[in-house]
């Protein structure tokens, strides 16, 4: 979620629309991270009810609006600075992809961004895929369609003035994600039975996790994160050195680590530096915070040969917030989890 939020370049003054908000996770996270105004739409009454409860528990009712609404029925006058669509296009259907992009562009502010995450089918397999059945089409997502990247881009170009400004394929990471989903699913088998589901249901979804994991591991399935904009969006992309709402974790306070943190902080990035020991300059035993009380020394260059050495003591599992003119100790990670991270000297 944090990667999608960063790619969307969301600021507090923005109004964000999410098409298909699921169970409300992104709604809560994006407002917590950026302070923006958020509107989400869904076709599921169950998801609406559950997500509204999550919003109330987070105390974000004044900033988050959740609606039971089809994307084709959004108010014509509503304009959003950012639109996020995370794995919803797969449910739109092959014949409606162009209409989907038309609806998105109609709702997008002139200098807005559309951020899309979508699971994809390889181009050479697509024609056969859309005219055939299959396990997922029949048992998991009836009516669904995994678009091929070329068809998706063609539909976008034919139906809107949008263009691609960023594309990243993250499918290889989905293999491990699906393995974790399967493990968590089976670990909670008793609770699933308690909800009234039988062993056939459990076997179906266990097979689904394995089936899709194999697709991603063999690079048969893909997963793309794509950012769309209109041509000439100078307001958003005019200064390539402006970084919006980005958080970077630097593991290891050696020379390269601290110089990186210092330069990132100058560029406006929030930087978190993790260091186990009070050694500088490429000490080879740098690892993650292990829970012991430690001393962290950070340095930054002033001129050519003058150095400052602010020293601060860290309690277990706390972080250093490396800011432009100061070093502060905070007691929350704000979503950065160092557990299991390892850094070795260059």
Protein backbone atom coordinates (compact mmCIF):
# COMPACT_ATOMS: atom_id res chain seq x y z
CA UNK A 1 0.00 0.00 0.00
CA UNK A 2 2.76 2.42 0.88
CA UNK A 3 4.31 1.93 -2.56
CA UNK A 4 1.02 2.76 -4.28
CA UNK A 5 0.60 5.81 -2.07
CA UNK A 6 4.13 6.99 -2.87
CA UNK A 7 3.63 6.45 -6.61
CA UNK A 8 0.40 8.45 -6.46
CA UNK A 9 2.31 11.45 -4.99
CA UNK A 10 -0.51 12.20 -2.58
CA UNK A 11 -0.48 15.35 -0.45
CA UNK A 12 -2.76 16.56 2.33
CA UNK A 13 -4.66 18.90 -0.01
CA UNK A 14 -5.59 16.12 -2.42
CA UNK A 15 -8.95 14.40 -2.77
CA UNK A 16 -8.35 10.70 -3.51
CA UNK A 17 -10.84 8.30 -5.09
CA UNK A 18 -10.40 4.55 -4.74
CA UNK A 19 -12.48 2.41 -7.07
CA UNK A 20 -13.18 -0.84 -5.25
CA UNK A 21 -11.94 -0.21 -1.71
CA UNK A 22 -12.20 -3.83 -0.57
CA UNK A 23 -12.14 -4.06 3.22
CA UNK A 24 -10.93 -0.50 3.76
CA UNK A 25 -7.22 -1.05 4.37
CA UNK A 26 -5.96 1.50 1.85
CA UNK A 27 -8.61 4.02 2.91
CA UNK A 28 -7.31 4.13 6.46
CA UNK A 29 -3.63 3.93 5.52
CA UNK A 30 -3.61 6.68 2.90
CA UNK A 31 -5.34 9.14 5.21
CA UNK A 32 -3.05 8.28 8.12
CA UNK A 33 0.04 8.74 5.95
CA UNK A 34 -0.95 11.86 4.03
CA UNK A 35 -3.89 13.57 5.74
CA UNK A 36 -5.78 13.69 2.44
CA UNK A 37 -9.52 13.57 1.83
CA UNK A 38 -10.64 10.14 0.62
CA UNK A 39 -13.69 8.77 -1.19
CA UNK A 40 -14.08 5.07 -1.90
CA UNK A 41 -16.70 3.17 -3.88
CA UNK A 42 -17.70 -0.50 -3.85
CA UNK A 43 -20.47 -2.79 -5.06
CA UNK A 44 -20.36 -4.94 -1.91
CA UNK A 45 -22.67 -4.13 0.99
CA UNK A 46 -20.62 -6.41 3.26
CA UNK A 47 -17.40 -4.59 2.43
CA UNK A 48 -19.09 -1.23 2.92
CA UNK A 49 -20.34 -2.20 6.38
CA UNK A 50 -16.98 -3.62 7.47
CA UNK A 51 -14.91 -0.75 6.07
CA UNK A 52 -17.15 1.84 7.73
CA UNK A 53 -16.50 0.14 11.07
CA UNK A 54 -12.73 0.29 10.46
CA UNK A 55 -12.95 3.98 9.60
CA UNK A 56 -14.90 4.69 12.79
CA UNK A 57 -12.41 2.72 14.88
CA UNK A 58 -9.60 4.79 13.35
CA UNK A 59 -11.49 8.03 14.07
CA UNK A 60 -11.27 9.15 10.43
CA UNK A 61 -14.96 9.70 9.64
CA UNK A 62 -14.39 13.38 8.79
CA UNK A 63 -11.85 12.54 6.08
CA UNK A 64 -13.16 9.28 4.62
CA UNK A 65 -16.39 8.81 2.63
CA UNK A 66 -17.44 5.31 1.56
CA UNK A 67 -20.16 4.81 -1.04
CA UNK A 68 -22.11 1.91 -2.55
CA UNK A 69 -21.67 2.90 -6.17
CA UNK A 70 -20.70 1.56 -9.61
CA UNK A 71 -17.76 3.33 -11.26
CA UNK A 72 -20.02 4.09 -14.25
CA UNK A 73 -22.49 5.93 -12.02
CA UNK A 74 -20.16 8.39 -10.28
CA UNK A 75 -21.40 12.02 -10.21
CA UNK A 76 -20.34 13.75 -13.43
CA UNK A 77 -19.17 16.90 -11.65
CA UNK A 78 -16.95 15.13 -9.14
CA UNK A 79 -13.21 15.58 -9.81
CA UNK A 80 -10.46 13.81 -7.91
CA UNK A 81 -6.77 14.68 -7.71
CA UNK A 82 -5.79 11.03 -7.52
CA UNK A 83 -7.60 7.81 -8.46
CA UNK A 84 -6.30 4.47 -7.16
CA UNK A 85 -7.50 1.15 -8.57
CA UNK A 86 -5.88 -1.87 -6.92
CA UNK A 87 -6.74 -5.20 -8.57
CA UNK A 88 -10.24 -4.20 -9.62
CA UNK A 89 -9.75 -4.07 -13.38
CA UNK A 90 -9.61 -7.88 -13.39
CA UNK A 91 -13.33 -7.82 -12.50
CA UNK A 92 -14.35 -5.26 -15.14
CA UNK A 93 -14.33 -7.66 -18.09
CA UNK A 94 -12.52 -7.64 -21.44
CA UNK A 95 -15.22 -5.74 -23.33
CA UNK A 96 -15.53 -2.95 -20.74
CA UNK A 97 -11.88 -1.93 -20.23
CA UNK A 98 -12.20 1.07 -22.56
CA UNK A 99 -15.36 2.24 -20.79
CA UNK A 100 -13.53 1.91 -17.48
CA UNK A 101 -10.75 4.27 -18.61
CA UNK A 102 -13.31 6.74 -19.96
CA UNK A 103 -15.01 6.82 -16.56
CA UNK A 104 -11.69 7.27 -14.76
CA UNK A 105 -10.62 10.16 -16.96
CA UNK A 106 -13.99 11.87 -16.52
CA UNK A 107 -13.51 11.80 -12.75
CA UNK A 108 -9.83 12.84 -12.81
CA UNK A 109 -8.75 16.44 -12.19
CA UNK A 110 -6.74 18.08 -14.98
CA UNK A 111 -3.40 17.59 -13.21
CA UNK A 112 -4.43 14.32 -11.59
CA UNK A 113 -2.93 10.85 -11.60
CA UNK A 114 -4.52 7.44 -12.04
CA UNK A 115 -2.60 4.65 -10.28
CA UNK A 116 -3.48 1.11 -11.29
CA UNK A 117 -2.40 -2.28 -10.00
CA UNK A 118 -3.56 -5.20 -12.11
CA UNK A 119 -2.78 -8.90 -12.52
CA UNK A 120 -2.11 -9.70 -16.17
CA UNK A 121 -2.06 -12.52 -18.69
CA UNK A 122 0.82 -12.79 -21.21
CA UNK A 123 0.03 -11.22 -24.59
CA UNK A 124 0.62 -14.41 -26.65
CA UNK A 125 -1.88 -16.34 -24.50
CA UNK A 126 -4.58 -13.68 -24.28
CA UNK A 127 -6.84 -14.48 -27.25
CA UNK A 128 -7.05 -18.14 -26.28
CA UNK A 129 -7.54 -17.18 -22.63
CA UNK A 130 -10.54 -14.89 -23.13
CA UNK A 131 -12.37 -17.52 -25.22
CA UNK A 132 -11.79 -20.43 -22.86
CA UNK A 133 -12.88 -21.48 -19.40
CA UNK A 134 -10.67 -22.49 -16.55
CA UNK A 135 -10.54 -23.09 -12.83
CA UNK A 136 -10.42 -19.44 -11.73
CA UNK A 137 -13.10 -18.28 -14.17
CA UNK A 138 -15.44 -21.06 -13.10
CA UNK A 139 -14.85 -21.33 -9.34
CA UNK A 140 -13.13 -18.17 -8.06
CA UNK A 141 -13.92 -15.08 -10.15
CA UNK A 142 -16.84 -15.78 -12.49
CA UNK A 143 -16.93 -13.13 -15.19
CA UNK A 144 -13.42 -11.95 -14.40
CA UNK A 145 -10.66 -11.37 -16.92
CA UNK A 146 -6.92 -10.85 -16.48
CA UNK A 147 -6.03 -8.30 -19.17
CA UNK A 148 -2.92 -8.48 -21.31
CA UNK A 149 -0.74 -5.41 -20.96
CA UNK A 150 -0.86 -4.50 -24.66
CA UNK A 151 -4.68 -4.74 -24.75
CA UNK A 152 -4.96 -2.67 -21.58
CA UNK A 153 -2.76 0.11 -23.01
CA UNK A 154 -4.58 0.01 -26.36
CA UNK A 155 -7.96 0.33 -24.65
CA UNK A 156 -6.67 3.22 -22.54
CA UNK A 157 -5.32 5.07 -25.59
CA UNK A 158 -8.53 4.60 -27.58
CA UNK A 159 -10.87 5.67 -24.77
CA UNK A 160 -9.01 8.52 -23.03
CA UNK A 161 -6.29 11.18 -23.22
CA UNK A 162 -4.27 9.39 -20.56
CA UNK A 163 -0.72 8.20 -21.11
CA UNK A 164 1.65 5.95 -19.16
CA UNK A 165 4.24 7.79 -17.05
CA UNK A 166 5.42 4.86 -14.92
CA UNK A 167 5.21 1.06 -15.13
CA UNK A 168 6.64 -1.62 -12.86
CA UNK A 169 6.12 -5.39 -12.97
CA UNK A 170 5.96 -6.81 -9.43
CA UNK A 171 4.65 -10.30 -10.19
CA UNK A 172 7.67 -12.14 -8.82
CA UNK A 173 6.81 -10.87 -5.33
CA UNK A 174 3.31 -12.33 -5.57
CA UNK A 175 4.59 -15.88 -5.33
CA UNK A 176 5.68 -15.35 -1.72
CA UNK A 177 2.52 -13.37 -1.00
CA UNK A 178 0.35 -16.29 -2.10
CA UNK A 179 2.40 -18.73 -0.03
CA UNK A 180 1.79 -16.55 3.02
CA UNK A 181 -1.93 -16.29 2.24
CA UNK A 182 -2.16 -20.07 1.96
CA UNK A 183 -0.33 -20.56 5.26
CA UNK A 184 -2.55 -18.08 7.10
CA UNK A 185 -5.68 -19.53 5.50
CA UNK A 186 -4.91 -23.09 6.61
CA UNK A 187 -3.79 -21.94 10.05
CA UNK A 188 -7.30 -20.57 10.58
CA UNK A 189 -9.15 -23.61 9.25
CA UNK A 190 -11.15 -24.06 12.47
CA UNK A 191 -12.46 -20.49 12.30
CA UNK A 192 -13.41 -21.02 8.66
CA UNK A 193 -15.40 -24.12 9.61
CA UNK A 194 -17.05 -22.13 12.40
CA UNK A 195 -18.31 -19.66 9.80
CA UNK A 196 -20.17 -22.51 8.08
CA UNK A 197 -17.75 -23.33 5.25
CA UNK A 198 -16.99 -26.98 4.47
CA UNK A 199 -13.85 -28.85 3.45
CA UNK A 200 -14.69 -28.48 -0.25
CA UNK A 201 -14.54 -24.71 0.16
CA UNK A 202 -11.19 -24.95 1.94
CA UNK A 203 -9.72 -27.28 -0.71
CA UNK A 204 -10.92 -24.98 -3.48
CA UNK A 205 -9.15 -21.98 -2.04
CA UNK A 206 -6.04 -23.93 -1.09
CA UNK A 207 -5.80 -25.04 -4.70
CA UNK A 208 -6.35 -21.45 -5.83
CA UNK A 209 -3.39 -20.23 -3.75
CA UNK A 210 -1.14 -22.98 -5.14
CA UNK A 211 -2.41 -22.50 -8.69
CA UNK A 212 -1.71 -18.77 -8.72
CA UNK A 213 1.59 -19.09 -6.86
CA UNK A 214 2.80 -21.39 -9.63
CA UNK A 215 1.68 -18.87 -12.24
CA UNK A 216 3.70 -16.08 -10.69
CA UNK A 217 6.75 -18.23 -9.90
CA UNK A 218 6.99 -19.32 -13.54
CA UNK A 219 6.45 -15.73 -14.75
CA UNK A 220 3.28 -16.81 -16.55
CA UNK A 221 1.15 -14.35 -14.62
CA UNK A 222 2.25 -10.75 -14.16
CA UNK A 223 1.28 -7.96 -11.81
CA UNK A 224 1.73 -4.38 -13.00
CA UNK A 225 1.70 -1.08 -11.16
CA UNK A 226 1.01 1.65 -13.71
CA UNK A 227 0.74 5.41 -13.26
CA UNK A 228 -1.29 7.34 -15.84
CA UNK A 229 -1.41 11.08 -16.43
CA UNK A 230 -2.44 13.48 -19.16
CA UNK A 231 0.24 15.02 -21.40
CA UNK A 232 1.72 18.28 -20.14
CA UNK A 233 1.17 17.62 -16.43
CA UNK A 234 3.84 20.10 -15.34
CA UNK A 235 2.11 20.70 -12.00
CA UNK A 236 2.85 17.12 -10.94
CA UNK A 237 6.00 16.25 -12.87
CA UNK A 238 7.60 19.64 -13.56
CA UNK A 239 10.35 19.29 -10.94
CA UNK A 240 11.96 15.81 -11.03
CA UNK A 241 13.75 16.49 -7.75
CA UNK A 242 10.60 16.94 -5.68
CA UNK A 243 9.83 13.78 -3.69
CA UNK A 244 6.37 13.58 -2.14
CA UNK A 245 5.45 11.50 0.91
CA UNK A 246 8.33 9.08 0.64
CA UNK A 247 9.85 7.20 3.56
CA UNK A 248 13.20 5.47 3.24
CA UNK A 249 14.78 3.04 5.71
CA UNK A 250 18.59 3.03 5.77
CA UNK A 251 19.97 -0.05 7.52
CA UNK A 252 23.45 0.67 8.82
CA UNK A 253 25.00 3.98 9.89
CA UNK A 254 28.28 3.55 8.08
CA UNK A 255 29.69 6.18 5.75
CA UNK A 256 27.56 5.26 2.74
CA UNK A 257 24.44 4.81 4.88
CA UNK A 258 24.62 8.17 6.59
CA UNK A 259 25.62 10.08 3.45
CA UNK A 260 22.60 8.51 1.72
CA UNK A 261 20.36 9.48 4.62
CA UNK A 262 21.73 13.02 4.68
CA UNK A 263 21.20 13.60 0.96
CA UNK A 264 17.73 12.07 1.02
CA UNK A 265 16.77 14.26 3.97
CA UNK A 266 17.92 17.34 2.07
CA UNK A 267 15.59 16.31 -0.77
CA UNK A 268 12.64 16.24 1.63
CA UNK A 269 12.47 12.50 2.23
CA UNK A 270 11.69 11.16 5.70
CA UNK A 271 14.60 8.87 6.50
CA UNK A 272 14.81 6.19 9.19
CA UNK A 273 18.31 4.96 10.08
CA UNK A 274 18.77 1.61 11.85
CA UNK A 275 22.11 0.81 13.54
CA UNK A 276 22.89 -1.84 16.14
CA UNK A 277 26.28 -0.70 17.37
CA UNK A 278 28.13 2.57 17.90
CA UNK A 279 30.56 1.98 15.05
CA UNK A 280 30.83 4.16 11.96
CA UNK A 281 32.52 3.95 8.62
CA UNK A 282 31.51 0.53 7.30
CA UNK A 283 31.69 -1.61 10.44
CA UNK A 284 31.00 -5.13 9.15
CA UNK A 285 28.72 -6.28 12.00
CA UNK A 286 25.90 -3.84 11.27
CA UNK A 287 22.57 -5.65 11.67
CA UNK A 288 19.03 -4.76 12.64
CA UNK A 289 17.86 -3.54 16.01
CA UNK A 290 17.83 -6.62 18.25
CA UNK A 291 16.09 -5.19 21.31
CA UNK A 292 19.15 -4.17 23.32
CA UNK A 293 19.83 -0.63 24.48
CA UNK A 294 22.37 0.90 22.13
CA UNK A 295 24.14 4.10 21.24
CA UNK A 296 23.82 5.47 17.73
CA UNK A 297 26.17 8.12 16.45
CA UNK A 298 25.18 9.96 13.28
CA UNK A 299 27.31 12.41 11.39
CA UNK A 300 26.81 14.85 8.55
CA UNK A 301 29.29 16.85 6.53
CA UNK A 302 29.50 20.62 6.82
CA UNK A 303 31.81 22.06 4.20
CA UNK A 304 34.75 19.89 3.21
CA UNK A 305 36.49 18.88 6.44
CA UNK A 306 34.22 19.91 9.31
CA UNK A 307 32.04 17.26 10.95
CA UNK A 308 29.34 17.24 13.62
CA UNK A 309 28.67 14.21 15.79
CA UNK A 310 25.23 14.34 17.46
CA UNK A 311 24.86 11.37 19.82
CA UNK A 312 21.57 9.87 20.94
CA UNK A 313 20.68 6.76 22.98
CA UNK A 314 18.04 4.42 21.62
CA UNK A 315 15.69 2.26 23.64
CA UNK A 316 14.75 -1.20 22.30
CA UNK A 317 13.12 -1.12 18.87
CA UNK A 318 12.99 2.63 18.54
CA UNK A 319 14.07 4.60 15.54
CA UNK A 320 16.06 7.67 14.65
CA UNK A 321 14.20 10.16 12.49
CA UNK A 322 16.94 11.80 10.42
CA UNK A 323 15.62 15.29 9.65
CA UNK A 324 17.17 18.28 7.92
CA UNK A 325 18.57 20.03 10.99
CA UNK A 326 18.07 17.61 13.86
CA UNK A 327 18.02 14.04 15.09
CA UNK A 328 14.96 12.91 17.02
CA UNK A 329 14.10 9.68 18.82
CA UNK A 330 10.51 8.54 18.27
CA UNK A 331 8.67 5.62 19.78
CA UNK A 332 6.69 4.56 16.72
CA UNK A 333 7.83 2.99 13.48
CA UNK A 334 5.07 4.48 11.31
CA UNK A 335 4.88 1.31 9.27
CA UNK A 336 8.61 0.60 9.01
CA UNK A 337 9.36 -2.80 10.50
CA UNK A 338 13.05 -3.73 10.91
CA UNK A 339 12.44 -7.29 12.02
CA UNK A 340 14.51 -9.66 9.95
CA UNK A 341 16.35 -7.02 7.96
CA UNK A 342 20.10 -7.58 7.62
CA UNK A 343 22.73 -5.18 6.31
CA UNK A 344 26.31 -6.07 5.39
CA UNK A 345 29.20 -3.72 4.73
CA UNK A 346 29.83 -2.79 1.09
